[in-house]
Amino acid sequence: MHARVWQLHIRPGKVQDFQDILSSLVNLARQQKGYRGVLALASGTSESPNVILVALWDSLEAIRATENNLFLTQAIARFLVCSESLPQITEQELLASDFVFSSARANA
């Protein structure tokens, strides 16, 4: 498994907008081949948090496919509405996670 990791700083007063945007993007992501789920982690102030999103995918190829079908572009454009700046985005390989494997077993 692989992850696309986003780092965003939410503008003051835009947390609800962020949550609404994330919800709409999750609905789109579920239509993407290889999508497994997302975690949104916040730190800092509740009014203007720093957010790390970890979107899990079956493979690096599945992540790359979202670049070709404009899903990634749509996601970036939507998050710009509530973010201080462009998100920092990295791709990482998932080495281990009991959470992921427990979820996979529960869905099997």
N, C-alpha and C. Protein backbone atom coordinates (compact mmCIF):
# COMPACT_ATOMS: atom_id res chain seq x y z
N MET A 1 0.84 -1.18 0.00
CA MET A 1 0.00 0.00 0.00
C MET A 1 0.88 1.24 0.00
N HIS A 2 0.28 2.31 -0.50
CA HIS A 2 0.95 3.61 -0.55
C HIS A 2 0.00 4.68 -0.04
N ALA A 3 0.58 5.82 0.33
CA ALA A 3 -0.22 6.93 0.83
C ALA A 3 0.18 8.22 0.12
N ARG A 4 -0.82 9.03 -0.11
CA ARG A 4 -0.56 10.41 -0.52
C ARG A 4 -0.81 11.22 0.75
N VAL A 5 0.21 11.95 1.19
CA VAL A 5 0.15 12.70 2.44
C VAL A 5 0.09 14.18 2.11
N TRP A 6 -0.92 14.84 2.63
CA TRP A 6 -1.15 16.27 2.41
C TRP A 6 -0.88 17.01 3.71
N GLN A 7 -0.25 18.17 3.61
CA GLN A 7 -0.10 19.06 4.76
C GLN A 7 -0.73 20.39 4.37
N LEU A 8 -1.72 20.81 5.17
CA LEU A 8 -2.44 22.05 4.90
C LEU A 8 -2.54 22.87 6.17
N HIS A 9 -2.64 24.17 6.00
CA HIS A 9 -2.96 25.05 7.13
C HIS A 9 -4.30 25.70 6.80
N ILE A 10 -5.30 25.43 7.61
CA ILE A 10 -6.65 25.92 7.35
C ILE A 10 -6.78 27.37 7.83
N ARG A 11 -7.36 28.20 6.96
CA ARG A 11 -7.55 29.61 7.30
C ARG A 11 -8.57 29.74 8.44
N PRO A 12 -8.42 30.77 9.25
CA PRO A 12 -9.37 30.99 10.35
C PRO A 12 -10.81 31.02 9.84
N GLY A 13 -11.67 30.31 10.54
CA GLY A 13 -13.08 30.29 10.20
C GLY A 13 -13.45 29.38 9.05
N LYS A 14 -12.51 28.58 8.56
CA LYS A 14 -12.77 27.75 7.38
C LYS A 14 -12.75 26.25 7.69
N VAL A 15 -12.80 25.89 8.97
CA VAL A 15 -12.73 24.47 9.33
C VAL A 15 -13.95 23.72 8.79
N GLN A 16 -15.14 24.29 8.92
CA GLN A 16 -16.34 23.62 8.41
C GLN A 16 -16.27 23.48 6.89
N ASP A 17 -15.78 24.51 6.21
CA ASP A 17 -15.60 24.42 4.75
C ASP A 17 -14.65 23.28 4.41
N PHE A 18 -13.55 23.19 5.16
CA PHE A 18 -12.60 22.10 4.94
C PHE A 18 -13.28 20.74 5.10
N GLN A 19 -14.06 20.58 6.16
CA GLN A 19 -14.72 19.30 6.41
C GLN A 19 -15.72 18.98 5.31
N ASP A 20 -16.44 19.97 4.82
CA ASP A 20 -17.39 19.75 3.73
C ASP A 20 -16.67 19.36 2.44
N ILE A 21 -15.57 20.04 2.16
CA ILE A 21 -14.78 19.73 0.96
C ILE A 21 -14.21 18.33 1.06
N LEU A 22 -13.66 17.99 2.22
CA LEU A 22 -13.11 16.66 2.40
C LEU A 22 -14.18 15.59 2.19
N SER A 23 -15.35 15.81 2.72
CA SER A 23 -16.45 14.87 2.56
C SER A 23 -16.80 14.68 1.08
N SER A 24 -16.87 15.76 0.33
CA SER A 24 -17.18 15.66 -1.09
C SER A 24 -16.06 14.94 -1.85
N LEU A 25 -14.81 15.18 -1.45
CA LEU A 25 -13.69 14.51 -2.11
C LEU A 25 -13.63 13.03 -1.78
N VAL A 26 -14.01 12.66 -0.56
CA VAL A 26 -14.05 11.25 -0.20
C VAL A 26 -15.05 10.52 -1.09
N ASN A 27 -16.19 11.16 -1.34
CA ASN A 27 -17.17 10.54 -2.24
C ASN A 27 -16.59 10.32 -3.63
N LEU A 28 -15.82 11.27 -4.13
CA LEU A 28 -15.17 11.11 -5.43
C LEU A 28 -14.05 10.08 -5.37
N ALA A 29 -13.29 10.08 -4.29
CA ALA A 29 -12.18 9.15 -4.15
C ALA A 29 -12.66 7.71 -4.13
N ARG A 30 -13.81 7.48 -3.53
CA ARG A 30 -14.36 6.12 -3.47
C ARG A 30 -14.65 5.55 -4.86
N GLN A 31 -14.75 6.42 -5.83
CA GLN A 31 -14.97 5.99 -7.21
C GLN A 31 -13.66 5.68 -7.93
N GLN A 32 -12.53 6.00 -7.29
CA GLN A 32 -11.22 5.79 -7.89
C GLN A 32 -10.73 4.37 -7.60
N LYS A 33 -10.18 3.73 -8.58
CA LYS A 33 -9.65 2.39 -8.40
C LYS A 33 -8.46 2.43 -7.44
N GLY A 34 -8.49 1.56 -6.44
CA GLY A 34 -7.37 1.44 -5.51
C GLY A 34 -7.46 2.30 -4.27
N TYR A 35 -8.48 3.14 -4.15
CA TYR A 35 -8.63 3.98 -2.96
C TYR A 35 -9.05 3.13 -1.78
N ARG A 36 -8.41 3.36 -0.60
CA ARG A 36 -8.70 2.57 0.60
C ARG A 36 -9.24 3.38 1.76
N GLY A 37 -9.02 4.68 1.79
CA GLY A 37 -9.53 5.48 2.89
C GLY A 37 -8.61 6.65 3.20
N VAL A 38 -9.05 7.48 4.14
CA VAL A 38 -8.29 8.68 4.48
C VAL A 38 -8.41 8.96 5.98
N LEU A 39 -7.35 9.51 6.53
CA LEU A 39 -7.34 10.03 7.91
C LEU A 39 -7.05 11.51 7.82
N ALA A 40 -7.73 12.30 8.63
CA ALA A 40 -7.45 13.73 8.73
C ALA A 40 -7.06 14.02 10.17
N LEU A 41 -5.84 14.49 10.36
CA LEU A 41 -5.31 14.76 11.69
C LEU A 41 -5.06 16.25 11.83
N ALA A 42 -5.52 16.84 12.93
CA ALA A 42 -5.37 18.28 13.14
C ALA A 42 -4.52 18.57 14.37
N SER A 43 -3.76 19.64 14.29
CA SER A 43 -2.99 20.13 15.44
C SER A 43 -3.03 21.65 15.41
N GLY A 44 -2.63 22.25 16.51
CA GLY A 44 -2.67 23.70 16.60
C GLY A 44 -4.02 24.15 17.11
N THR A 45 -4.44 25.34 16.73
CA THR A 45 -5.70 25.87 17.23
C THR A 45 -6.88 25.27 16.48
N SER A 46 -8.00 25.14 17.16
CA SER A 46 -9.19 24.59 16.51
C SER A 46 -9.78 25.56 15.49
N GLU A 47 -9.49 26.85 15.63
CA GLU A 47 -9.99 27.86 14.70
C GLU A 47 -9.21 27.86 13.38
N SER A 48 -7.92 27.51 13.43
CA SER A 48 -7.06 27.54 12.25
C SER A 48 -6.00 26.44 12.35
N PRO A 49 -6.43 25.18 12.23
CA PRO A 49 -5.50 24.07 12.48
C PRO A 49 -4.55 23.78 11.33
N ASN A 50 -3.47 23.13 11.69
CA ASN A 50 -2.61 22.47 10.71
C ASN A 50 -3.20 21.08 10.53
N VAL A 51 -3.36 20.65 9.29
CA VAL A 51 -4.00 19.37 9.00
C VAL A 51 -3.06 18.50 8.19
N ILE A 52 -3.00 17.26 8.59
CA ILE A 52 -2.31 16.24 7.79
C ILE A 52 -3.37 15.25 7.34
N LEU A 53 -3.47 15.07 6.03
CA LEU A 53 -4.36 14.07 5.45
C LEU A 53 -3.50 12.92 4.97
N VAL A 54 -3.91 11.72 5.30
CA VAL A 54 -3.22 10.53 4.82
C VAL A 54 -4.24 9.71 4.04
N ALA A 55 -4.13 9.74 2.73
CA ALA A 55 -5.03 8.98 1.86
C ALA A 55 -4.33 7.70 1.45
N LEU A 56 -4.95 6.57 1.73
CA LEU A 56 -4.35 5.27 1.47
C LEU A 56 -4.84 4.69 0.15
N TRP A 57 -3.90 4.11 -0.58
CA TRP A 57 -4.17 3.55 -1.91
C TRP A 57 -3.50 2.18 -2.01
N ASP A 58 -4.03 1.33 -2.86
CA ASP A 58 -3.47 -0.01 -3.07
C ASP A 58 -2.03 0.03 -3.56
N SER A 59 -1.73 1.01 -4.42
CA SER A 59 -0.41 1.01 -5.07
C SER A 59 -0.04 2.42 -5.51
N LEU A 60 1.22 2.57 -5.84
CA LEU A 60 1.70 3.84 -6.39
C LEU A 60 1.04 4.10 -7.74
N GLU A 61 0.77 3.04 -8.49
CA GLU A 61 0.10 3.17 -9.78
C GLU A 61 -1.31 3.75 -9.62
N ALA A 62 -2.01 3.32 -8.56
CA ALA A 62 -3.35 3.86 -8.30
C ALA A 62 -3.27 5.35 -7.97
N ILE A 63 -2.25 5.74 -7.22
CA ILE A 63 -2.06 7.17 -6.92
C ILE A 63 -1.78 7.93 -8.21
N ARG A 64 -0.90 7.41 -9.04
CA ARG A 64 -0.55 8.08 -10.30
C ARG A 64 -1.77 8.23 -11.22
N ALA A 65 -2.66 7.26 -11.20
CA ALA A 65 -3.85 7.33 -12.05
C ALA A 65 -4.70 8.55 -11.70
N THR A 66 -4.70 8.97 -10.43
CA THR A 66 -5.49 10.13 -10.04
C THR A 66 -4.90 11.43 -10.58
N GLU A 67 -3.64 11.39 -10.95
CA GLU A 67 -3.01 12.55 -11.59
C GLU A 67 -3.46 12.66 -13.03
N ASN A 68 -3.64 11.52 -13.68
CA ASN A 68 -4.01 11.49 -15.09
C ASN A 68 -5.48 11.77 -15.32
N ASN A 69 -6.36 11.43 -14.37
CA ASN A 69 -7.80 11.64 -14.58
C ASN A 69 -8.31 12.91 -13.90
N LEU A 70 -7.43 13.76 -13.46
CA LEU A 70 -7.73 15.08 -12.89
C LEU A 70 -8.32 15.06 -11.49
N PHE A 71 -8.40 13.89 -10.84
CA PHE A 71 -8.89 13.86 -9.46
C PHE A 71 -7.98 14.70 -8.56
N LEU A 72 -6.67 14.53 -8.68
CA LEU A 72 -5.74 15.29 -7.85
C LEU A 72 -5.89 16.78 -8.08
N THR A 73 -6.01 17.20 -9.33
CA THR A 73 -6.18 18.62 -9.65
C THR A 73 -7.45 19.17 -9.03
N GLN A 74 -8.54 18.43 -9.10
CA GLN A 74 -9.80 18.85 -8.49
C GLN A 74 -9.65 19.00 -6.98
N ALA A 75 -8.97 18.05 -6.37
CA ALA A 75 -8.78 18.09 -4.92
C ALA A 75 -7.98 19.32 -4.50
N ILE A 76 -6.89 19.59 -5.19
CA ILE A 76 -6.08 20.77 -4.87
C ILE A 76 -6.91 22.04 -5.02
N ALA A 77 -7.63 22.14 -6.11
CA ALA A 77 -8.43 23.35 -6.36
C ALA A 77 -9.47 23.55 -5.26
N ARG A 78 -10.10 22.48 -4.82
CA ARG A 78 -11.13 22.61 -3.78
C ARG A 78 -10.52 23.01 -2.44
N PHE A 79 -9.38 22.44 -2.10
CA PHE A 79 -8.76 22.77 -0.81
C PHE A 79 -8.23 24.19 -0.77
N LEU A 80 -7.92 24.78 -1.91
CA LEU A 80 -7.43 26.16 -1.93
C LEU A 80 -8.45 27.14 -1.36
N VAL A 81 -9.73 26.78 -1.38
CA VAL A 81 -10.78 27.63 -0.84
C VAL A 81 -10.59 27.88 0.66
N CYS A 82 -10.05 26.89 1.36
CA CYS A 82 -9.96 27.01 2.82
C CYS A 82 -8.53 26.96 3.34
N SER A 83 -7.56 26.81 2.48
CA SER A 83 -6.16 26.65 2.90
C SER A 83 -5.39 27.96 2.76
N GLU A 84 -4.42 28.15 3.64
CA GLU A 84 -3.57 29.34 3.60
C GLU A 84 -2.72 29.41 2.33
N SER A 85 -2.33 28.24 1.81
CA SER A 85 -1.47 28.19 0.63
C SER A 85 -1.63 26.84 -0.05
N LEU A 86 -0.86 26.61 -1.07
CA LEU A 86 -0.89 25.30 -1.72
C LEU A 86 -0.52 24.22 -0.71
N PRO A 87 -1.20 23.11 -0.74
CA PRO A 87 -0.82 22.03 0.18
C PRO A 87 0.52 21.43 -0.21
N GLN A 88 1.24 20.96 0.79
CA GLN A 88 2.44 20.17 0.52
C GLN A 88 1.97 18.73 0.38
N ILE A 89 2.38 18.07 -0.71
CA ILE A 89 1.91 16.72 -0.98
C ILE A 89 3.11 15.82 -1.22
N THR A 90 3.13 14.70 -0.51
CA THR A 90 4.17 13.70 -0.74
C THR A 90 3.50 12.34 -0.91
N GLU A 91 4.24 11.41 -1.47
CA GLU A 91 3.77 10.03 -1.61
C GLU A 91 4.71 9.16 -0.81
N GLN A 92 4.14 8.25 -0.04
CA GLN A 92 4.95 7.41 0.83
C GLN A 92 4.44 5.97 0.76
N GLU A 93 5.37 5.06 0.97
CA GLU A 93 5.01 3.65 1.04
C GLU A 93 4.60 3.31 2.47
N LEU A 94 3.53 2.57 2.61
CA LEU A 94 3.08 2.13 3.93
C LEU A 94 3.84 0.87 4.30
N LEU A 95 4.62 0.93 5.36
CA LEU A 95 5.41 -0.21 5.77
C LEU A 95 4.63 -1.15 6.68
N ALA A 96 3.82 -0.60 7.57
CA ALA A 96 3.05 -1.43 8.48
C ALA A 96 1.93 -0.61 9.08
N SER A 97 0.79 -1.27 9.33
CA SER A 97 -0.30 -0.63 10.03
C SER A 97 -1.33 -1.67 10.41
N ASP A 98 -1.54 -1.84 11.67
CA ASP A 98 -2.57 -2.76 12.14
C ASP A 98 -3.95 -2.24 11.76
N PHE A 99 -4.12 -0.92 11.79
CA PHE A 99 -5.38 -0.30 11.42
C PHE A 99 -5.83 -0.70 10.02
N VAL A 100 -4.93 -0.58 9.07
CA VAL A 100 -5.26 -0.90 7.69
C VAL A 100 -5.59 -2.37 7.54
N PHE A 101 -4.78 -3.23 8.12
CA PHE A 101 -5.02 -4.64 7.95
C PHE A 101 -6.28 -5.09 8.66
N SER A 102 -6.60 -4.49 9.81
CA SER A 102 -7.85 -4.81 10.50
C SER A 102 -9.04 -4.41 9.64
N SER A 103 -8.97 -3.24 9.00
CA SER A 103 -10.06 -2.80 8.14
C SER A 103 -10.22 -3.72 6.94
N ALA A 104 -9.10 -4.14 6.37
CA ALA A 104 -9.15 -5.02 5.21
C ALA A 104 -9.81 -6.35 5.59
N ARG A 105 -9.47 -6.89 6.76
CA ARG A 105 -10.09 -8.14 7.20
C ARG A 105 -11.58 -7.98 7.47
N ALA A 106 -11.95 -6.84 8.03
CA ALA A 106 -13.37 -6.60 8.35
C ALA A 106 -14.20 -6.49 7.10
N ASN A 107 -13.62 -5.98 6.01
CA ASN A 107 -14.35 -5.83 4.76
C ASN A 107 -14.35 -7.10 3.91
N ALA A 108 -13.52 -8.07 4.28
CA ALA A 108 -13.41 -9.29 3.46
C ALA A 108 -14.59 -10.21 3.67
